[in-house]
Amino acid sequence: RGRDDLPRTERRNGVEVVRVASTAFDRARLGLRGLNYLTYLASAALAG
């Protein structure tokens, strides 16, 4: 959240980091947190 400058893929200290498309809403609201979860899970499973 708030770091749009980060690349979607990078190698850092020997680790390949893949950032998948997902929402990053404020987690204070349970429904929006759930949407963050679902979008991440779907994108992560596909990337995996």
All heavy atoms as atom14 arrays in JSON, in Angstrom:
{
  "sequence": "RGRDDLPRTERRNGVEVVRVASTAFDRARLGLRGLNYLTYLASAALAG",
  "atom14_mask": [
    [1, 1, 1, 1, 1, 1, 1, 1, 1, 1, 1, 0, 0, 0],
    [1, 1, 1, 1, 0, 0, 0, 0, 0, 0, 0, 0, 0, 0],
    [1, 1, 1, 1, 1, 1, 1, 1, 1, 1, 1, 0, 0, 0],
    [1, 1, 1, 1, 1, 1, 1, 1, 0, 0, 0, 0, 0, 0],
    [1, 1, 1, 1, 1, 1, 1, 1, 0, 0, 0, 0, 0, 0],
    [1, 1, 1, 1, 1, 1, 1, 1, 0, 0, 0, 0, 0, 0],
    [1, 1, 1, 1, 1, 1, 1, 0, 0, 0, 0, 0, 0, 0],
    [1, 1, 1, 1, 1, 1, 1, 1, 1, 1, 1, 0, 0, 0],
    [1, 1, 1, 1, 1, 1, 1, 0, 0, 0, 0, 0, 0, 0],
    [1, 1, 1, 1, 1, 1, 1, 1, 1, 0, 0, 0, 0, 0],
    [1, 1, 1, 1, 1, 1, 1, 1, 1, 1, 1, 0, 0, 0],
    [1, 1, 1, 1, 1, 1, 1, 1, 1, 1, 1, 0, 0, 0],
    [1, 1, 1, 1, 1, 1, 1, 1, 0, 0, 0, 0, 0, 0],
    [1, 1, 1, 1, 0, 0, 0, 0, 0, 0, 0, 0, 0, 0],
    [1, 1, 1, 1, 1, 1, 1, 0, 0, 0, 0, 0, 0, 0],
    [1, 1, 1, 1, 1, 1, 1, 1, 1, 0, 0, 0, 0, 0],
    [1, 1, 1, 1, 1, 1, 1, 0, 0, 0, 0, 0, 0, 0],
    [1, 1, 1, 1, 1, 1, 1, 0, 0, 0, 0, 0, 0, 0],
    [1, 1, 1, 1, 1, 1, 1, 1, 1, 1, 1, 0, 0, 0],
    [1, 1, 1, 1, 1, 1, 1, 0, 0, 0, 0, 0, 0, 0],
    [1, 1, 1, 1, 1, 0, 0, 0, 0, 0, 0, 0, 0, 0],
    [1, 1, 1, 1, 1, 1, 0, 0, 0, 0, 0, 0, 0, 0],
    [1, 1, 1, 1, 1, 1, 1, 0, 0, 0, 0, 0, 0, 0],
    [1, 1, 1, 1, 1, 0, 0, 0, 0, 0, 0, 0, 0, 0],
    [1, 1, 1, 1, 1, 1, 1, 1, 1, 1, 1, 0, 0, 0],
    [1, 1, 1, 1, 1, 1, 1, 1, 0, 0, 0, 0, 0, 0],
    [1, 1, 1, 1, 1, 1, 1, 1, 1, 1, 1, 0, 0, 0],
    [1, 1, 1, 1, 1, 0, 0, 0, 0, 0, 0, 0, 0, 0],
    [1, 1, 1, 1, 1, 1, 1, 1, 1, 1, 1, 0, 0, 0],
    [1, 1, 1, 1, 1, 1, 1, 1, 0, 0, 0, 0, 0, 0],
    [1, 1, 1, 1, 0, 0, 0, 0, 0, 0, 0, 0, 0, 0],
    [1, 1, 1, 1, 1, 1, 1, 1, 0, 0, 0, 0, 0, 0],
    [1, 1, 1, 1, 1, 1, 1, 1, 1, 1, 1, 0, 0, 0],
    [1, 1, 1, 1, 0, 0, 0, 0, 0, 0, 0, 0, 0, 0],
    [1, 1, 1, 1, 1, 1, 1, 1, 0, 0, 0, 0, 0, 0],
    [1, 1, 1, 1, 1, 1, 1, 1, 0, 0, 0, 0, 0, 0],
    [1, 1, 1, 1, 1, 1, 1, 1, 1, 1, 1, 1, 0, 0],
    [1, 1, 1, 1, 1, 1, 1, 1, 0, 0, 0, 0, 0, 0],
    [1, 1, 1, 1, 1, 1, 1, 0, 0, 0, 0, 0, 0, 0],
    [1, 1, 1, 1, 1, 1, 1, 1, 1, 1, 1, 1, 0, 0],
    [1, 1, 1, 1, 1, 1, 1, 1, 0, 0, 0, 0, 0, 0],
    [1, 1, 1, 1, 1, 0, 0, 0, 0, 0, 0, 0, 0, 0],
    [1, 1, 1, 1, 1, 1, 0, 0, 0, 0, 0, 0, 0, 0],
    [1, 1, 1, 1, 1, 0, 0, 0, 0, 0, 0, 0, 0, 0],
    [1, 1, 1, 1, 1, 0, 0, 0, 0, 0, 0, 0, 0, 0],
    [1, 1, 1, 1, 1, 1, 1, 1, 0, 0, 0, 0, 0, 0],
    [1, 1, 1, 1, 1, 0, 0, 0, 0, 0, 0, 0, 0, 0],
    [1, 1, 1, 1, 0, 0, 0, 0, 0, 0, 0, 0, 0, 0]
  ],
  "atom14_positions": [
    [[0.84, -1.2, 0.0], [0.0, 0.0, 0.0], [0.88, 1.26, 0.0], [1.79, 1.41, 0.83], [-0.91, -0.03, 1.22], [-1.86, 1.17, 1.33], [-2.77, 0.98, 2.54], [-3.56, 2.16, 2.82], [-4.69, 2.47, 2.2], [-5.17, 1.67, 1.27], [-5.36, 3.56, 2.53], [0.0, 0.0, 0.0], [0.0, 0.0, 0.0], [0.0, 0.0, 0.0]],
    [[0.6, 2.16, -0.94], [1.33, 3.41, -1.0], [2.69, 3.32, -1.66], [3.43, 4.31, -1.68], [0.0, 0.0, 0.0], [0.0, 0.0, 0.0], [0.0, 0.0, 0.0], [0.0, 0.0, 0.0], [0.0, 0.0, 0.0], [0.0, 0.0, 0.0], [0.0, 0.0, 0.0], [0.0, 0.0, 0.0], [0.0, 0.0, 0.0], [0.0, 0.0, 0.0]],
    [[3.05, 2.15, -2.23], [4.36, 2.0, -2.87], [4.19, 1.57, -4.33], [4.57, 0.47, -4.73], [5.21, 0.98, -2.09], [5.65, 1.44, -0.73], [6.6, 2.65, -0.81], [7.72, 2.45, -1.7], [8.88, 1.92, -1.31], [9.06, 1.56, -0.05], [9.87, 1.78, -2.18], [0.0, 0.0, 0.0], [0.0, 0.0, 0.0], [0.0, 0.0, 0.0]],
    [[3.61, 2.46, -5.12], [3.42, 2.18, -6.54], [4.72, 2.16, -7.31], [4.76, 1.74, -8.47], [2.48, 3.23, -7.16], [1.08, 3.18, -6.56], [0.7, 2.1, -6.07], [0.39, 4.22, -6.58], [0.0, 0.0, 0.0], [0.0, 0.0, 0.0], [0.0, 0.0, 0.0], [0.0, 0.0, 0.0], [0.0, 0.0, 0.0], [0.0, 0.0, 0.0]],
    [[5.8, 2.63, -6.67], [7.09, 2.68, -7.35], [7.79, 1.33, -7.4], [8.76, 1.17, -8.14], [8.0, 3.68, -6.63], [8.21, 3.3, -5.15], [7.2, 3.08, -4.45], [9.37, 3.22, -4.7], [0.0, 0.0, 0.0], [0.0, 0.0, 0.0], [0.0, 0.0, 0.0], [0.0, 0.0, 0.0], [0.0, 0.0, 0.0], [0.0, 0.0, 0.0]],
    [[7.31, 0.36, -6.63], [8.0, -0.93, -6.57], [7.79, -1.73, -7.85], [6.67, -1.79, -8.37], [7.5, -1.75, -5.37], [7.81, -1.18, -3.99], [7.08, -1.98, -2.92], [9.31, -1.2, -3.73], [0.0, 0.0, 0.0], [0.0, 0.0, 0.0], [0.0, 0.0, 0.0], [0.0, 0.0, 0.0], [0.0, 0.0, 0.0], [0.0, 0.0, 0.0]],
    [[8.84, -2.37, -8.36], [8.68, -3.19, -9.56], [7.86, -4.45, -9.27], [7.84, -4.93, -8.12], [10.12, -3.55, -9.95], [10.88, -3.46, -8.67], [10.23, -2.36, -7.87], [0.0, 0.0, 0.0], [0.0, 0.0, 0.0], [0.0, 0.0, 0.0], [0.0, 0.0, 0.0], [0.0, 0.0, 0.0], [0.0, 0.0, 0.0], [0.0, 0.0, 0.0]],
    [[7.2, -4.96, -10.29], [6.42, -6.19, -10.11], [7.32, -7.41, -9.9], [6.91, -8.37, -9.27], [5.47, -6.4, -11.29], [4.28, -5.45, -11.28], [3.48, -5.61, -9.98], [2.39, -4.68, -9.87], [1.16, -4.9, -10.29], [0.88, -6.03, -10.9], [0.22, -4.01, -10.12], [0.0, 0.0, 0.0], [0.0, 0.0, 0.0], [0.0, 0.0, 0.0]],
    [[8.51, -7.37, -10.44], [9.47, -8.48, -10.25], [10.84, -7.87, -10.01], [11.26, -6.95, -10.71], [9.53, -9.38, -11.48], [8.22, -9.91, -11.75], [10.48, -10.56, -11.24], [0.0, 0.0, 0.0], [0.0, 0.0, 0.0], [0.0, 0.0, 0.0], [0.0, 0.0, 0.0], [0.0, 0.0, 0.0], [0.0, 0.0, 0.0], [0.0, 0.0, 0.0]],
    [[11.52, -8.38, -9.0], [12.89, -7.95, -8.72], [13.62, -9.04, -7.96], [13.01, -9.95, -7.39], [12.91, -6.64, -7.92], [12.4, -6.74, -6.51], [12.57, -5.43, -5.74], [13.66, -4.84, -5.82], [11.62, -5.03, -5.05], [0.0, 0.0, 0.0], [0.0, 0.0, 0.0], [0.0, 0.0, 0.0], [0.0, 0.0, 0.0], [0.0, 0.0, 0.0]],
    [[14.93, -8.94, -7.96], [15.75, -9.86, -7.17], [16.41, -9.05, -6.07], [17.08, -8.05, -6.34], [16.8, -10.57, -8.03], [17.66, -11.57, -7.24], [18.42, -12.49, -8.17], [17.53, -13.38, -8.89], [17.07, -14.54, -8.41], [17.42, -14.93, -7.19], [16.29, -15.29, -9.12], [0.0, 0.0, 0.0], [0.0, 0.0, 0.0], [0.0, 0.0, 0.0]],
    [[16.2, -9.48, -4.83], [16.73, -8.73, -3.69], [17.39, -9.71, -2.73], [16.77, -10.62, -2.23], [15.61, -7.96, -2.97], [16.09, -7.17, -1.78], [14.95, -6.4, -1.13], [15.43, -5.54, -0.06], [15.56, -5.93, 1.21], [15.25, -7.17, 1.57], [16.02, -5.09, 2.12], [0.0, 0.0, 0.0], [0.0, 0.0, 0.0], [0.0, 0.0, 0.0]],
    [[18.67, -9.49, -2.49], [19.45, -10.32, -1.57], [19.27, -11.81, -1.86], [19.08, -12.64, -0.96], [19.06, -10.01, -0.12], [19.43, -8.6, 0.28], [20.31, -7.98, -0.3], [18.75, -8.08, 1.29], [0.0, 0.0, 0.0], [0.0, 0.0, 0.0], [0.0, 0.0, 0.0], [0.0, 0.0, 0.0], [0.0, 0.0, 0.0], [0.0, 0.0, 0.0]],
    [[19.3, -12.14, -3.15], [19.24, -13.53, -3.57], [17.86, -14.1, -3.72], [17.71, -15.27, -4.12], [0.0, 0.0, 0.0], [0.0, 0.0, 0.0], [0.0, 0.0, 0.0], [0.0, 0.0, 0.0], [0.0, 0.0, 0.0], [0.0, 0.0, 0.0], [0.0, 0.0, 0.0], [0.0, 0.0, 0.0], [0.0, 0.0, 0.0], [0.0, 0.0, 0.0]],
    [[16.81, -13.33, -3.41], [15.43, -13.81, -3.48], [14.73, -13.16, -4.66], [14.78, -11.93, -4.83], [14.67, -13.49, -2.17], [13.21, -13.93, -2.27], [15.35, -14.13, -0.97], [0.0, 0.0, 0.0], [0.0, 0.0, 0.0], [0.0, 0.0, 0.0], [0.0, 0.0, 0.0], [0.0, 0.0, 0.0], [0.0, 0.0, 0.0], [0.0, 0.0, 0.0]],
    [[14.04, -13.97, -5.47], [13.2, -13.43, -6.54], [11.85, -13.05, -5.94], [11.15, -13.9, -5.38], [13.01, -14.45, -7.65], [12.2, -13.9, -8.82], [11.93, -14.94, -9.89], [12.27, -16.13, -9.68], [11.35, -14.56, -10.93], [0.0, 0.0, 0.0], [0.0, 0.0, 0.0], [0.0, 0.0, 0.0], [0.0, 0.0, 0.0], [0.0, 0.0, 0.0]],
    [[11.49, -11.78, -6.05], [10.25, -11.27, -5.47], [9.29, -10.94, -6.6], [9.6, -10.14, -7.47], [10.5, -10.02, -4.6], [9.2, -9.54, -3.96], [11.56, -10.3, -3.54], [0.0, 0.0, 0.0], [0.0, 0.0, 0.0], [0.0, 0.0, 0.0], [0.0, 0.0, 0.0], [0.0, 0.0, 0.0], [0.0, 0.0, 0.0], [0.0, 0.0, 0.0]],
    [[8.11, -11.59, -6.57], [7.08, -11.36, -7.56], [5.88, -10.74, -6.86], [5.3, -11.35, -5.95], [6.66, -12.67, -8.25], [5.54, -12.42, -9.27], [7.86, -13.32, -8.93], [0.0, 0.0, 0.0], [0.0, 0.0, 0.0], [0.0, 0.0, 0.0], [0.0, 0.0, 0.0], [0.0, 0.0, 0.0], [0.0, 0.0, 0.0], [0.0, 0.0, 0.0]],
    [[5.52, -9.52, -7.22], [4.37, -8.83, -6.63], [3.19, -8.9, -7.59], [3.2, -8.27, -8.64], [4.72, -7.37, -6.29], [5.85, -7.24, -5.29], [6.12, -5.78, -4.91], [7.2, -5.74, -3.93], [8.49, -5.61, -4.25], [8.84, -5.5, -5.51], [9.41, -5.59, -3.31], [0.0, 0.0, 0.0], [0.0, 0.0, 0.0], [0.0, 0.0, 0.0]],
    [[2.19, -9.67, -7.2], [1.06, -9.89, -8.1], [0.03, -8.78, -7.93], [-0.03, -8.1, -6.89], [0.4, -11.25, -7.82], [1.38, -12.38, -8.11], [-0.11, -11.35, -6.39], [0.0, 0.0, 0.0], [0.0, 0.0, 0.0], [0.0, 0.0, 0.0], [0.0, 0.0, 0.0], [0.0, 0.0, 0.0], [0.0, 0.0, 0.0], [0.0, 0.0, 0.0]],
    [[-0.78, -8.6, -8.95], [-1.83, -7.59, -8.91], [-2.86, -7.97, -7.84], [-3.41, -9.07, -7.86], [-2.5, -7.48, -10.27], [0.0, 0.0, 0.0], [0.0, 0.0, 0.0], [0.0, 0.0, 0.0], [0.0, 0.0, 0.0], [0.0, 0.0, 0.0], [0.0, 0.0, 0.0], [0.0, 0.0, 0.0], [0.0, 0.0, 0.0], [0.0, 0.0, 0.0]],
    [[-3.08, -7.08, -6.9], [-4.05, -7.32, -5.83], [-4.43, -5.97, -5.23], [-3.68, -5.01, -5.32], [-3.47, -8.24, -4.74], [-2.28, -7.69, -4.19], [0.0, 0.0, 0.0], [0.0, 0.0, 0.0], [0.0, 0.0, 0.0], [0.0, 0.0, 0.0], [0.0, 0.0, 0.0], [0.0, 0.0, 0.0], [0.0, 0.0, 0.0], [0.0, 0.0, 0.0]],
    [[-5.6, -5.92, -4.63], [-6.0, -4.68, -3.98], [-5.22, -4.51, -2.68], [-4.74, -5.48, -2.09], [-7.5, -4.68, -3.7], [-7.83, -5.78, -2.84], [-8.31, -4.78, -4.98], [0.0, 0.0, 0.0], [0.0, 0.0, 0.0], [0.0, 0.0, 0.0], [0.0, 0.0, 0.0], [0.0, 0.0, 0.0], [0.0, 0.0, 0.0], [0.0, 0.0, 0.0]],
    [[-5.1, -3.25, -2.25], [-4.37, -2.95, -1.01], [-5.14, -1.89, -0.24], [-4.61, -0.85, 0.15], [-2.96, -2.48, -1.32], [0.0, 0.0, 0.0], [0.0, 0.0, 0.0], [0.0, 0.0, 0.0], [0.0, 0.0, 0.0], [0.0, 0.0, 0.0], [0.0, 0.0, 0.0], [0.0, 0.0, 0.0], [0.0, 0.0, 0.0], [0.0, 0.0, 0.0]],
    [[-6.43, -2.17, -0.02], [-7.28, -1.24, 0.71], [-6.88, -1.18, 2.18], [-6.24, -2.11, 2.71], [-8.75, -1.63, 0.58], [-9.3, -1.52, -0.81], [-9.75, -2.64, -1.49], [-9.38, -0.29, -1.45], [-10.26, -2.55, -2.77], [-9.88, -0.19, -2.74], [-10.32, -1.32, -3.4], [0.0, 0.0, 0.0], [0.0, 0.0, 0.0], [0.0, 0.0, 0.0]],
    [[-7.32, -0.13, 2.85], [-7.14, -0.02, 4.29], [-7.8, -1.22, 4.96], [-8.97, -1.54, 4.7], [-7.79, 1.28, 4.78], [-7.49, 1.57, 6.24], [-7.28, 0.63, 7.01], [-7.49, 2.77, 6.6], [0.0, 0.0, 0.0], [0.0, 0.0, 0.0], [0.0, 0.0, 0.0], [0.0, 0.0, 0.0], [0.0, 0.0, 0.0], [0.0, 0.0, 0.0]],
    [[-7.06, -1.88, 5.85], [-7.54, -3.12, 6.44], [-8.49, -2.92, 7.61], [-8.96, -3.89, 8.21], [-6.35, -3.97, 6.89], [-5.52, -4.51, 5.74], [-4.34, -5.28, 6.22], [-3.32, -4.43, 6.8], [-2.35, -4.85, 7.61], [-2.29, -6.11, 7.95], [-1.45, -4.0, 8.07], [0.0, 0.0, 0.0], [0.0, 0.0, 0.0], [0.0, 0.0, 0.0]],
    [[-8.81, -1.67, 7.94], [-9.7, -1.43, 9.08], [-11.1, -1.96, 8.81], [-11.79, -2.37, 9.74], [-9.76, 0.08, 9.38], [0.0, 0.0, 0.0], [0.0, 0.0, 0.0], [0.0, 0.0, 0.0], [0.0, 0.0, 0.0], [0.0, 0.0, 0.0], [0.0, 0.0, 0.0], [0.0, 0.0, 0.0], [0.0, 0.0, 0.0], [0.0, 0.0, 0.0]],
    [[-11.53, -1.94, 7.54], [-12.86, -2.44, 7.2], [-12.75, -3.89, 6.75], [-12.01, -4.23, 5.82], [-13.48, -1.58, 6.11], [-13.74, -0.15, 6.56], [-14.25, 0.72, 5.44], [-15.51, 0.22, 4.89], [-16.13, 0.77, 3.85], [-15.6, 1.83, 3.26], [-17.26, 0.27, 3.41], [0.0, 0.0, 0.0], [0.0, 0.0, 0.0], [0.0, 0.0, 0.0]],
    [[-13.51, -4.75, 7.44], [-13.37, -6.19, 7.24], [-13.67, -6.59, 5.8], [-13.0, -7.45, 5.22], [-14.29, -6.93, 8.21], [-14.02, -8.42, 8.39], [-12.62, -8.66, 8.91], [-15.05, -9.04, 9.34], [0.0, 0.0, 0.0], [0.0, 0.0, 0.0], [0.0, 0.0, 0.0], [0.0, 0.0, 0.0], [0.0, 0.0, 0.0], [0.0, 0.0, 0.0]],
    [[-14.7, -5.96, 5.18], [-15.04, -6.3, 3.81], [-13.92, -5.99, 2.84], [-13.62, -6.79, 1.93], [0.0, 0.0, 0.0], [0.0, 0.0, 0.0], [0.0, 0.0, 0.0], [0.0, 0.0, 0.0], [0.0, 0.0, 0.0], [0.0, 0.0, 0.0], [0.0, 0.0, 0.0], [0.0, 0.0, 0.0], [0.0, 0.0, 0.0], [0.0, 0.0, 0.0]],
    [[-13.27, -4.84, 3.01], [-12.17, -4.47, 2.14], [-10.94, -5.35, 2.38], [-10.21, -5.69, 1.44], [-11.81, -3.0, 2.33], [-12.88, -2.0, 1.88], [-12.42, -0.58, 2.14], [-13.22, -2.2, 0.41], [0.0, 0.0, 0.0], [0.0, 0.0, 0.0], [0.0, 0.0, 0.0], [0.0, 0.0, 0.0], [0.0, 0.0, 0.0], [0.0, 0.0, 0.0]],
    [[-10.75, -5.73, 3.64], [-9.65, -6.66, 3.92], [-9.91, -7.99, 3.21], [-9.0, -8.6, 2.64], [-9.51, -6.89, 5.43], [-8.42, -7.88, 5.78], [-8.3, -8.12, 7.26], [-7.71, -6.98, 7.95], [-7.12, -7.07, 9.13], [-7.04, -8.23, 9.76], [-6.62, -6.0, 9.7], [0.0, 0.0, 0.0], [0.0, 0.0, 0.0], [0.0, 0.0, 0.0]],
    [[-11.16, -8.45, 3.25], [-11.51, -9.68, 2.56], [-11.26, -9.58, 1.06], [-10.8, -10.55, 0.43], [0.0, 0.0, 0.0], [0.0, 0.0, 0.0], [0.0, 0.0, 0.0], [0.0, 0.0, 0.0], [0.0, 0.0, 0.0], [0.0, 0.0, 0.0], [0.0, 0.0, 0.0], [0.0, 0.0, 0.0], [0.0, 0.0, 0.0], [0.0, 0.0, 0.0]],
    [[-11.54, -8.42, 0.47], [-11.27, -8.23, -0.95], [-9.77, -8.28, -1.23], [-9.34, -8.86, -2.23], [-11.86, -6.9, -1.42], [-11.77, -6.61, -2.92], [-12.47, -7.7, -3.72], [-12.38, -5.25, -3.23], [0.0, 0.0, 0.0], [0.0, 0.0, 0.0], [0.0, 0.0, 0.0], [0.0, 0.0, 0.0], [0.0, 0.0, 0.0], [0.0, 0.0, 0.0]],
    [[-8.97, -7.69, -0.33], [-7.51, -7.81, -0.47], [-7.09, -9.27, -0.49], [-6.26, -9.69, -1.3], [-6.81, -7.1, 0.69], [-6.96, -5.6, 0.67], [-7.38, -5.02, -0.33], [-6.64, -4.96, 1.79], [0.0, 0.0, 0.0], [0.0, 0.0, 0.0], [0.0, 0.0, 0.0], [0.0, 0.0, 0.0], [0.0, 0.0, 0.0], [0.0, 0.0, 0.0]],
    [[-7.68, -10.05, 0.43], [-7.36, -11.48, 0.51], [-7.68, -12.18, -0.81], [-6.86, -12.93, -1.37], [-8.15, -12.13, 1.63], [-7.71, -11.81, 3.04], [-8.51, -12.2, 4.12], [-6.53, -11.14, 3.31], [-8.14, -11.93, 5.43], [-6.14, -10.86, 4.6], [-6.95, -11.26, 5.67], [-6.59, -10.99, 6.96], [0.0, 0.0, 0.0], [0.0, 0.0, 0.0]],
    [[-8.91, -11.98, -1.3], [-9.37, -12.72, -2.46], [-8.58, -12.37, -3.71], [-8.21, -13.25, -4.5], [-10.86, -12.46, -2.69], [-11.8, -13.06, -1.62], [-13.23, -12.62, -1.88], [-11.71, -14.58, -1.6], [0.0, 0.0, 0.0], [0.0, 0.0, 0.0], [0.0, 0.0, 0.0], [0.0, 0.0, 0.0], [0.0, 0.0, 0.0], [0.0, 0.0, 0.0]],
    [[-8.3, -11.08, -3.91], [-7.55, -10.7, -5.11], [-6.11, -11.22, -5.04], [-5.55, -11.65, -6.06], [-7.55, -9.17, -5.3], [-7.05, -8.53, -4.12], [-8.96, -8.67, -5.58], [0.0, 0.0, 0.0], [0.0, 0.0, 0.0], [0.0, 0.0, 0.0], [0.0, 0.0, 0.0], [0.0, 0.0, 0.0], [0.0, 0.0, 0.0], [0.0, 0.0, 0.0]],
    [[-5.53, -11.2, -3.84], [-4.18, -11.74, -3.73], [-4.17, -13.25, -3.98], [-3.33, -13.77, -4.73], [-3.58, -11.45, -2.35], [-2.33, -12.27, -2.11], [-1.15, -11.97, -2.79], [-2.35, -13.39, -1.29], [-0.02, -12.76, -2.64], [-1.22, -14.18, -1.12], [-0.05, -13.86, -1.8], [1.06, -14.64, -1.65], [0.0, 0.0, 0.0], [0.0, 0.0, 0.0]],
    [[-5.11, -13.97, -3.36], [-5.12, -15.43, -3.5], [-5.29, -15.86, -4.95], [-4.59, -16.76, -5.43], [-6.24, -16.03, -2.65], [-6.01, -16.03, -1.14], [-7.28, -16.42, -0.4], [-4.87, -16.98, -0.77], [0.0, 0.0, 0.0], [0.0, 0.0, 0.0], [0.0, 0.0, 0.0], [0.0, 0.0, 0.0], [0.0, 0.0, 0.0], [0.0, 0.0, 0.0]],
    [[-6.2, -15.2, -5.67], [-6.41, -15.57, -7.07], [-5.17, -15.29, -7.9], [-4.72, -16.14, -8.69], [-7.61, -14.8, -7.62], [0.0, 0.0, 0.0], [0.0, 0.0, 0.0], [0.0, 0.0, 0.0], [0.0, 0.0, 0.0], [0.0, 0.0, 0.0], [0.0, 0.0, 0.0], [0.0, 0.0, 0.0], [0.0, 0.0, 0.0], [0.0, 0.0, 0.0]],
    [[-4.57, -14.12, -7.71], [-3.39, -13.76, -8.49], [-2.18, -14.61, -8.11], [-1.39, -15.01, -8.97], [-3.06, -12.27, -8.29], [-4.11, -11.45, -8.75], [0.0, 0.0, 0.0], [0.0, 0.0, 0.0], [0.0, 0.0, 0.0], [0.0, 0.0, 0.0], [0.0, 0.0, 0.0], [0.0, 0.0, 0.0], [0.0, 0.0, 0.0], [0.0, 0.0, 0.0]],
    [[-2.05, -14.9, -6.82], [-0.91, -15.69, -6.36], [-0.99, -17.13, -6.86], [0.02, -17.72, -7.26], [-0.84, -15.67, -4.84], [0.0, 0.0, 0.0], [0.0, 0.0, 0.0], [0.0, 0.0, 0.0], [0.0, 0.0, 0.0], [0.0, 0.0, 0.0], [0.0, 0.0, 0.0], [0.0, 0.0, 0.0], [0.0, 0.0, 0.0], [0.0, 0.0, 0.0]],
    [[-2.18, -17.7, -6.84], [-2.33, -19.07, -7.34], [-1.97, -19.14, -8.82], [-1.27, -20.07, -9.26], [-3.76, -19.55, -7.11], [0.0, 0.0, 0.0], [0.0, 0.0, 0.0], [0.0, 0.0, 0.0], [0.0, 0.0, 0.0], [0.0, 0.0, 0.0], [0.0, 0.0, 0.0], [0.0, 0.0, 0.0], [0.0, 0.0, 0.0], [0.0, 0.0, 0.0]],
    [[-2.41, -18.15, -9.6], [-2.09, -18.14, -11.02], [-0.59, -17.96, -11.24], [0.02, -18.66, -12.07], [-2.86, -17.0, -11.7], [-2.72, -16.9, -13.23], [-3.2, -18.19, -13.89], [-3.51, -15.71, -13.75], [0.0, 0.0, 0.0], [0.0, 0.0, 0.0], [0.0, 0.0, 0.0], [0.0, 0.0, 0.0], [0.0, 0.0, 0.0], [0.0, 0.0, 0.0]],
    [[0.03, -17.05, -10.49], [1.48, -16.84, -10.62], [2.24, -18.09, -10.21], [3.26, -18.44, -10.81], [1.91, -15.65, -9.78], [0.0, 0.0, 0.0], [0.0, 0.0, 0.0], [0.0, 0.0, 0.0], [0.0, 0.0, 0.0], [0.0, 0.0, 0.0], [0.0, 0.0, 0.0], [0.0, 0.0, 0.0], [0.0, 0.0, 0.0], [0.0, 0.0, 0.0]],
    [[1.74, -18.77, -9.16], [2.4, -19.99, -8.73], [2.34, -21.09, -9.78], [3.32, -21.8, -10.02], [0.0, 0.0, 0.0], [0.0, 0.0, 0.0], [0.0, 0.0, 0.0], [0.0, 0.0, 0.0], [0.0, 0.0, 0.0], [0.0, 0.0, 0.0], [0.0, 0.0, 0.0], [0.0, 0.0, 0.0], [0.0, 0.0, 0.0], [0.0, 0.0, 0.0]]
  ]
}
